[in-house]
Protein backbone atom coordinates (compact mmCIF):
# COMPACT_ATOMS: atom_id res chain seq x y z
CA MET A 1 -44.03 41.40 -34.73
CA LYS A 2 -46.08 38.66 -33.76
CA PHE A 3 -44.85 35.06 -33.08
CA GLY A 4 -46.09 31.68 -34.28
CA LEU A 5 -45.86 28.01 -34.20
CA ALA A 6 -46.07 25.83 -37.27
CA TYR A 7 -46.67 22.00 -36.85
CA GLU A 8 -46.26 19.14 -39.28
CA MET A 9 -47.18 16.84 -36.48
CA GLN A 10 -43.98 14.73 -37.40
CA ARG A 11 -43.69 11.47 -36.21
CA PRO A 12 -40.33 10.37 -34.49
CA GLN A 13 -42.23 6.90 -33.81
CA LEU A 14 -45.06 5.30 -35.59
CA ASP A 15 -47.37 6.26 -32.53
CA ASP A 16 -50.32 8.51 -33.67
CA HIS A 17 -51.63 9.06 -30.49
CA ALA A 18 -48.27 10.22 -28.58
CA VAL A 19 -48.10 12.79 -31.38
CA ILE A 20 -51.44 14.09 -31.05
CA GLU A 21 -51.16 14.37 -27.24
CA GLU A 22 -47.78 15.84 -27.10
CA THR A 23 -49.03 18.58 -30.01
CA ILE A 24 -51.90 19.56 -27.79
CA GLU A 25 -49.71 19.75 -24.62
CA GLN A 26 -47.23 21.96 -26.60
CA ILE A 27 -49.99 24.58 -27.69
CA ILE A 28 -51.70 24.76 -24.51
CA LEU A 29 -48.31 25.93 -23.24
CA ALA A 30 -47.71 28.16 -26.22
CA ASP A 31 -50.92 30.02 -25.48
CA ARG A 32 -49.93 30.69 -21.75
CA MET A 33 -46.62 31.41 -22.67
CA GLY A 34 -47.86 34.20 -25.19
CA PHE A 35 -47.33 32.90 -28.38
CA ASP A 36 -49.83 34.74 -31.03
CA TYR A 37 -50.56 31.74 -33.71
CA VAL A 38 -50.30 28.38 -34.10
CA TRP A 39 -50.43 27.06 -37.75
CA PHE A 40 -51.27 23.46 -39.17
CA VAL A 41 -50.39 22.38 -42.34
CA GLU A 42 -52.62 19.80 -44.42
CA HIS A 43 -50.70 16.58 -45.79
CA HIS A 44 -51.77 13.39 -46.89
CA PHE A 45 -49.84 10.22 -47.65
CA LEU A 46 -46.55 11.18 -46.18
CA THR A 47 -46.18 8.03 -44.00
CA THR A 48 -43.32 8.58 -41.14
CA PHE A 49 -42.98 12.31 -42.00
CA SER A 50 -46.44 14.06 -41.13
CA MET A 51 -49.46 13.20 -39.67
CA SER A 52 -51.82 16.07 -40.18
CA PRO A 53 -54.73 15.13 -42.64
CA CYS A 54 -57.47 17.33 -40.93
CA PRO A 55 -56.37 20.55 -39.20
CA GLU A 56 -60.15 21.60 -38.64
CA VAL A 57 -60.61 18.38 -36.24
CA ILE A 58 -57.79 19.15 -34.05
CA PHE A 59 -58.60 22.96 -34.01
CA GLY A 60 -61.68 21.85 -32.46
CA ALA A 61 -60.24 20.63 -29.71
CA LEU A 62 -57.56 23.52 -29.38
CA SER A 63 -60.65 26.29 -29.46
CA ARG A 64 -61.71 25.20 -26.15
CA LEU A 65 -58.46 24.15 -24.57
CA THR A 66 -56.60 27.67 -25.60
CA LYS A 67 -58.04 31.25 -24.81
CA ASN A 68 -56.01 33.81 -26.76
CA ILE A 69 -53.72 31.92 -29.42
CA ARG A 70 -54.78 32.28 -33.08
CA LEU A 71 -55.57 29.32 -34.92
CA GLY A 72 -54.01 29.08 -38.45
CA PHE A 73 -55.09 26.87 -41.33
CA GLY A 74 -51.56 26.58 -42.72
CA VAL A 75 -52.70 25.80 -45.08
CA VAL A 76 -56.04 24.24 -46.49
CA ILE A 77 -55.10 22.65 -49.89
CA LEU A 78 -58.24 24.16 -51.91
CA PRO A 79 -58.05 21.49 -55.01
CA TYR A 80 -58.64 18.74 -52.64
CA HIS A 81 -62.06 20.27 -51.16
CA HIS A 82 -65.23 21.51 -52.60
CA PRO A 83 -65.12 25.28 -51.95
CA VAL A 84 -68.50 25.20 -49.89
CA ARG A 85 -67.07 22.56 -47.44
CA VAL A 86 -64.23 24.51 -46.76
CA ALA A 87 -66.21 27.68 -46.01
CA GLU A 88 -68.15 25.65 -43.94
CA ARG A 89 -65.43 24.31 -42.04
CA VAL A 90 -63.21 27.30 -41.58
CA ALA A 91 -66.24 29.26 -40.30
CA MET A 92 -67.20 26.51 -37.68
CA VAL A 93 -64.03 26.65 -36.18
CA ASP A 94 -64.39 30.46 -36.06
CA HIS A 95 -67.34 29.97 -34.13
CA LEU A 96 -65.88 27.61 -31.71
CA SER A 97 -62.48 29.54 -31.45
CA ASN A 98 -64.98 32.80 -30.78
CA GLY A 99 -63.25 34.35 -34.02
CA ARG A 100 -59.42 33.48 -33.71
CA VAL A 101 -59.12 31.75 -37.17
CA ASP A 102 -56.80 32.75 -40.03
CA PHE A 103 -57.38 31.29 -43.44
CA GLY A 104 -54.25 29.90 -45.27
CA THR A 105 -54.42 28.54 -48.77
CA GLY A 106 -52.37 26.45 -51.02
CA ARG A 107 -52.11 23.96 -53.86
CA SER A 108 -49.50 21.26 -52.27
CA ALA A 109 -47.21 18.99 -54.48
CA PRO A 110 -47.68 16.37 -56.81
CA TYR A 111 -46.99 13.55 -55.10
CA GLU A 112 -50.16 14.28 -52.71
CA GLN A 113 -51.95 15.64 -55.73
CA THR A 114 -52.03 12.53 -58.03
CA GLY A 115 -52.89 10.80 -54.68
CA MET A 116 -56.15 12.39 -54.46
CA GLY A 117 -56.63 12.17 -58.21
CA ILE A 118 -56.06 15.67 -59.13
CA ASP A 119 -53.89 16.65 -61.98
CA PRO A 120 -51.14 19.11 -61.14
CA ARG A 121 -51.57 20.86 -64.19
CA GLU A 122 -55.17 21.98 -62.97
CA THR A 123 -54.27 22.91 -59.33
CA ARG A 124 -53.48 26.57 -60.12
CA GLY A 125 -56.83 27.28 -61.69
CA MET A 126 -58.65 25.03 -58.89
CA TRP A 127 -57.04 27.14 -56.64
CA GLU A 128 -57.98 30.82 -57.96
CA GLU A 129 -61.55 29.51 -58.57
CA SER A 130 -62.03 28.25 -54.82
CA LEU A 131 -60.30 31.46 -53.65
CA GLN A 132 -62.55 33.54 -55.26
CA MET A 133 -65.66 31.47 -54.35
CA ILE A 134 -65.14 31.36 -50.48
CA PRO A 135 -65.45 34.92 -49.70
CA GLN A 136 -68.46 34.92 -51.72
CA ILE A 137 -69.91 31.93 -49.69
CA TRP A 138 -69.35 33.77 -46.53
CA ASP A 139 -70.83 37.10 -47.60
CA ALA A 140 -73.83 36.00 -49.60
CA ASP A 141 -77.22 35.28 -48.23
CA TYR A 142 -77.84 32.89 -50.73
CA PHE A 143 -74.77 31.52 -53.04
CA GLU A 144 -74.81 30.48 -56.54
CA TRP A 145 -71.81 29.61 -58.94
CA GLU A 146 -71.26 28.10 -62.29
CA GLY A 147 -67.39 27.89 -63.05
CA GLU A 148 -64.87 25.61 -64.55
CA TYR A 149 -64.43 23.26 -61.45
CA TRP A 150 -67.46 23.80 -59.50
CA ASN A 151 -71.25 24.69 -59.85
CA VAL A 152 -73.48 25.40 -56.88
CA PRO A 153 -77.00 25.84 -57.41
CA PRO A 154 -78.55 28.57 -55.18
CA ARG A 155 -78.03 27.45 -51.46
CA GLN A 156 -77.99 29.12 -48.13
CA VAL A 157 -74.43 28.10 -46.67
CA LEU A 158 -74.52 28.27 -42.96
CA PRO A 159 -72.59 29.11 -40.24
CA LYS A 160 -70.91 32.47 -41.46
CA PRO A 161 -67.62 33.28 -39.83
CA TYR A 162 -67.80 34.77 -36.25
CA GLN A 163 -65.16 37.27 -37.43
CA GLN A 164 -66.64 39.90 -39.62
CA PRO A 165 -66.47 40.22 -42.30
CA HIS A 166 -64.44 37.04 -42.46
CA PRO A 167 -61.07 35.76 -41.35
CA PRO A 168 -57.78 36.88 -42.84
CA ILE A 169 -57.01 34.90 -46.02
CA TRP A 170 -53.35 33.96 -46.60
CA VAL A 171 -51.35 32.04 -49.45
CA ALA A 172 -48.35 29.69 -48.97
CA ALA A 173 -45.45 31.22 -50.76
CA LEU A 174 -42.24 29.82 -51.95
CA GLN A 175 -41.29 32.09 -55.13
CA PRO A 176 -41.37 35.42 -55.99
CA ALA A 177 -44.18 34.83 -58.64
CA THR A 178 -46.41 33.77 -55.64
CA TYR A 179 -45.45 37.07 -53.71
CA GLU A 180 -46.58 39.15 -56.33
CA LEU A 181 -50.04 36.99 -56.77
CA ALA A 182 -50.62 37.55 -53.23
CA ALA A 183 -50.29 41.35 -53.53
CA ALA A 184 -52.29 41.33 -56.43
CA LYS A 185 -55.10 39.35 -54.65
CA GLY A 186 -54.72 41.47 -51.21
CA ILE A 187 -53.82 38.50 -49.30
CA GLY A 188 -51.26 37.82 -46.77
CA VAL A 189 -48.05 36.11 -47.68
CA MET A 190 -46.62 32.97 -45.72
CA ALA A 191 -42.97 32.64 -46.73
CA LEU A 192 -42.45 29.11 -45.85
CA GLY A 193 -39.42 28.54 -47.96
CA ILE A 194 -36.79 28.74 -44.67
CA SER A 195 -34.81 31.89 -46.10
CA ALA A 196 -32.42 34.10 -44.71
CA PRO A 197 -34.19 37.52 -43.85
CA SER A 198 -31.41 39.24 -46.09
CA VAL A 199 -32.78 37.17 -48.85
CA LEU A 200 -36.44 37.97 -48.36
CA ALA A 201 -35.93 41.65 -47.58
CA PRO A 202 -36.42 42.97 -51.07
CA HIS A 203 -39.57 40.61 -51.87
CA ILE A 204 -40.98 42.08 -48.85
CA SER A 205 -40.61 45.44 -50.01
CA ALA A 206 -41.98 45.00 -53.21
CA TYR A 207 -45.09 43.04 -51.57
CA ARG A 208 -45.63 46.16 -49.63
CA GLU A 209 -45.41 48.28 -52.74
CA ASN A 210 -47.52 45.94 -54.91
CA ILE A 211 -50.08 45.49 -52.51
CA LYS A 212 -51.07 48.86 -52.88
CA ASN A 213 -52.72 48.13 -56.20
CA ALA A 214 -54.56 44.92 -54.83
CA GLN A 215 -57.90 44.10 -55.98
CA PRO A 216 -58.59 42.17 -52.99
CA VAL A 217 -60.69 38.57 -53.20
CA GLY A 218 -62.09 39.19 -49.95
CA ARG A 219 -63.67 42.21 -48.38
CA PHE A 220 -60.49 43.71 -47.01
CA VAL A 221 -56.78 43.71 -47.86
CA ASN A 222 -54.79 41.36 -45.67
CA ASN A 223 -51.32 43.09 -45.77
CA GLN A 224 -49.22 40.62 -43.65
CA TRP A 225 -46.13 39.03 -44.34
CA LEU A 226 -45.25 35.81 -42.34
CA SER A 227 -41.40 34.46 -42.57
CA SER A 228 -40.94 30.67 -41.51
CA VAL A 229 -38.08 29.55 -39.78
CA PHE A 230 -36.61 26.85 -37.65
CA GLY A 231 -36.46 27.84 -34.03
CA LEU A 232 -35.34 26.26 -30.50
CA CYS A 233 -34.44 28.07 -27.23
CA GLY A 234 -32.31 26.18 -24.76
CA ALA A 235 -30.16 27.16 -22.02
CA ASP A 236 -27.13 25.58 -23.75
CA ASP A 237 -26.46 27.71 -26.75
CA SER A 238 -24.17 25.89 -28.84
CA ALA A 239 -25.65 22.60 -28.21
CA THR A 240 -29.26 24.17 -28.91
CA ARG A 241 -28.29 25.59 -32.30
CA GLN A 242 -26.73 22.41 -33.29
CA LEU A 243 -29.97 20.47 -32.35
CA CYS A 244 -32.19 23.00 -34.48
CA ALA A 245 -29.73 22.90 -37.41
CA ASP A 246 -29.65 19.08 -37.29
CA SER A 247 -33.52 19.39 -37.21
CA LEU A 248 -33.31 21.68 -40.35
CA LYS A 249 -31.12 19.18 -42.38
CA THR A 250 -33.08 16.37 -41.54
CA PHE A 251 -36.37 17.93 -42.64
CA PHE A 252 -34.77 18.81 -45.97
CA GLY A 253 -32.66 15.82 -46.12
CA PRO A 254 -32.11 13.79 -49.31
CA GLY A 255 -35.73 12.07 -50.57
CA ARG A 256 -37.89 14.29 -48.01
CA PRO A 257 -41.21 15.41 -49.29
CA TYR A 258 -40.05 19.00 -49.55
CA VAL A 259 -37.07 18.50 -51.71
CA GLN A 260 -38.32 15.31 -53.66
CA ASP A 261 -38.42 15.73 -57.09
CA GLN A 262 -37.26 19.03 -57.29
CA LYS A 263 -34.16 20.02 -59.67
CA ASP A 264 -31.18 21.64 -58.04
CA ILE A 265 -32.99 21.68 -54.66
CA TYR A 266 -29.39 22.01 -52.50
CA SER A 267 -28.18 24.98 -54.77
CA LYS A 268 -31.52 26.47 -53.94
CA LEU A 269 -31.28 26.16 -50.72
CA LEU A 270 -28.05 27.30 -50.37
CA GLU A 271 -29.22 30.48 -51.96
CA GLN A 272 -32.15 30.72 -49.74
CA TRP A 273 -29.49 30.55 -46.63
CA GLY A 274 -27.69 33.50 -48.15
CA GLY A 275 -25.02 32.00 -50.15
CA VAL A 276 -21.83 29.81 -49.32
CA PRO A 277 -20.41 30.99 -46.40
CA ASP A 278 -16.60 32.22 -46.74
CA HIS A 279 -15.12 29.38 -44.58
CA LEU A 280 -16.92 26.64 -46.90
CA GLN A 281 -15.84 28.74 -49.89
CA GLN A 282 -12.34 28.31 -48.73
CA ASN A 283 -12.91 24.57 -47.76
CA PHE A 284 -13.94 23.53 -51.42
CA SER A 285 -11.99 25.93 -53.21
CA ARG A 286 -10.73 23.39 -55.49
CA TYR A 287 -14.31 22.52 -56.66
CA ILE A 288 -16.14 26.00 -56.66
CA ASP A 289 -15.31 29.33 -58.76
CA VAL A 290 -16.08 32.30 -56.70
CA GLN A 291 -16.93 35.42 -59.49
CA PRO A 292 -15.47 38.89 -58.29
CA ASP A 293 -18.19 41.40 -57.64
CA ALA A 294 -18.17 43.80 -60.67
CA ASP A 295 -18.46 46.96 -58.26
CA SER A 296 -16.29 46.25 -55.59
CA GLY A 297 -14.00 43.40 -57.09
CA GLU A 298 -14.91 41.20 -54.05
CA ALA A 299 -15.85 37.75 -53.76
CA GLY A 300 -19.42 37.73 -55.43
CA ALA A 301 -21.41 34.76 -57.01
CA VAL A 302 -20.39 31.02 -56.40
CA ASP A 303 -20.23 28.81 -59.40
CA LEU A 304 -21.11 25.28 -58.15
CA SER A 305 -19.27 23.91 -60.92
CA GLY A 306 -19.08 20.35 -59.65
CA GLY A 307 -22.95 20.26 -59.72
CA THR A 308 -25.37 18.76 -57.74
CA ALA A 309 -23.46 16.25 -55.67
CA LEU A 310 -21.35 19.43 -54.73
CA ALA A 311 -23.99 21.63 -53.80
CA GLN A 312 -25.56 18.89 -51.35
CA LYS A 313 -22.00 18.37 -49.88
CA ILE A 314 -21.71 21.89 -49.07
CA TRP A 315 -25.38 22.22 -47.88
CA GLU A 316 -24.50 19.20 -45.20
CA GLU A 317 -21.42 21.09 -44.09
CA PHE A 318 -23.43 24.28 -43.41
CA ASP A 319 -22.66 25.08 -39.79
CA ALA A 320 -24.96 25.93 -37.17
CA ASP A 321 -23.67 29.14 -36.04
CA THR A 322 -23.64 30.62 -39.82
CA LEU A 323 -27.46 29.62 -39.94
CA ALA A 324 -28.31 31.58 -36.71
CA ASP A 325 -26.12 34.49 -37.37
CA ARG A 326 -28.09 34.66 -40.75
CA GLY A 327 -31.27 34.23 -39.02
CA VAL A 328 -32.24 31.09 -40.99
CA ILE A 329 -32.45 29.34 -37.58
CA VAL A 330 -33.66 31.29 -34.51
CA ALA A 331 -32.08 29.23 -32.17
CA GLY A 332 -29.73 28.95 -28.82
CA ASP A 333 -29.97 30.52 -25.62
CA PRO A 334 -32.26 33.51 -25.08
CA ASP A 335 -30.13 36.31 -26.08
CA SER A 336 -29.01 34.27 -29.18
CA CYS A 337 -32.53 33.55 -30.36
CA ILE A 338 -33.35 37.28 -29.79
CA ARG A 339 -30.15 38.58 -31.80
CA SER A 340 -31.48 36.27 -34.78
CA ALA A 341 -35.24 37.38 -34.47
CA LYS A 342 -34.04 41.01 -34.53
CA LEU A 343 -33.03 40.31 -38.21
CA HIS A 344 -36.33 39.35 -39.15
CA GLU A 345 -37.89 42.23 -37.28
CA ALA A 346 -35.89 44.57 -39.73
CA THR A 347 -37.24 43.54 -42.75
CA GLY A 348 -40.21 44.86 -41.43
CA ILE A 349 -42.57 41.39 -41.25
CA ASP A 350 -45.60 40.80 -39.30
CA GLN A 351 -45.01 37.45 -38.07
CA LEU A 352 -42.25 35.19 -37.29
CA GLN A 353 -43.36 31.44 -37.27
CA PHE A 354 -41.15 28.89 -35.90
CA LEU A 355 -41.16 24.89 -36.94
CA MET A 356 -39.75 23.27 -33.46
CA ALA A 357 -41.55 20.19 -33.20
CA THR A 358 -39.89 17.77 -35.81
CA GLU A 359 -38.83 14.11 -36.00
CA THR A 360 -35.41 14.92 -34.21
CA VAL A 361 -36.41 17.50 -31.46
CA GLU A 362 -37.96 15.54 -28.27
CA HIS A 363 -41.32 16.60 -26.80
CA ALA A 364 -39.36 17.85 -23.53
CA LYS A 365 -37.13 19.83 -25.59
CA VAL A 366 -39.88 21.47 -27.36
CA MET A 367 -41.80 22.27 -24.15
CA GLU A 368 -38.48 23.85 -22.67
CA SER A 369 -38.15 25.74 -25.91
CA ILE A 370 -41.77 27.24 -25.94
CA GLU A 371 -41.32 28.15 -22.24
CA LEU A 372 -38.10 30.29 -22.76
CA PHE A 373 -39.47 31.93 -25.72
CA GLY A 374 -42.42 33.05 -23.69
CA LYS A 375 -40.50 33.80 -20.59
CA HIS A 376 -37.37 35.63 -22.39
CA VAL A 377 -37.79 36.23 -26.10
CA LEU A 378 -41.31 37.21 -26.90
CA PRO A 379 -41.14 40.10 -24.40
CA ALA A 380 -38.15 41.65 -26.01
CA PHE A 381 -40.53 42.39 -29.08
CA LYS A 382 -43.56 43.60 -27.16
């Protein structure tokens, strides 16, 4: 199992330059400590939350400041860009890094889409057409295209990628329908929903089976699954777990970009985290209805009859130890991190991705965490 870092380039202070400098320092250390991947999101208009509009620019610097770590576009929002420009930029970074690029793709969310003048209803078609075009651009001596969204007369597009035939292709996925689409197209899954490994395990098995029948959009099938979690390693087990849990809850707090305008989001997050823990069922027993399992007669599904407000309250009280024990966070001292990471390894994933650097975790803590992961956790999986 490989290990990666995810970057939203979050902004604890309105200091763009500090965020950039600290991010670069962290990734240089991660490269030295043996992390396999670093992934950058593409976001726009998310003031005070994320400052990562152009990953290819920071990758230009990192390509020369690192030696081994792979540089992952996590992801390029394909509807925002002409496919020729995407192909050119990814290929250029691939050359600068001597073939260390992974190409993740996605569609983003309505707030950002409409800011770019994109109709959210068109983004699925735009993503699919662009995804079909880009490997052909990389492969063809002269490329031409007539499609629904883009037209290209015969042109030679350079450079071609350094990796042959091209970098691995991925898609950001938050739901089973996208896992199935990835398998059909022969591309890797970036499961970015922050879910317990027990919840993802059946979907991973289905992906492995379905991808056997892939019709790949590229020259090869990228049969890889990446699971994303919040991660933090520190000397103080309890305090580090709590800091990581607080980071997770702040990230998905009310009104934040990843939960904005989503219906029943906190009920969905509770499901992704493995359901309501027994002790919280007891704490809220007067408000929730625990349905017995038909086979065992033991407690089964939880009906949050109190609605959205109750789901949010239970979500807020979800404790750090349960999150770590279920693998929703990989946090604590090195031994705790190893135990939680092994839950993900048991599902058969190819890569575990950590979001460490958030607005609630200071730079020094991230640097400490990267070093401890490199010294004590990563070697347990090599």
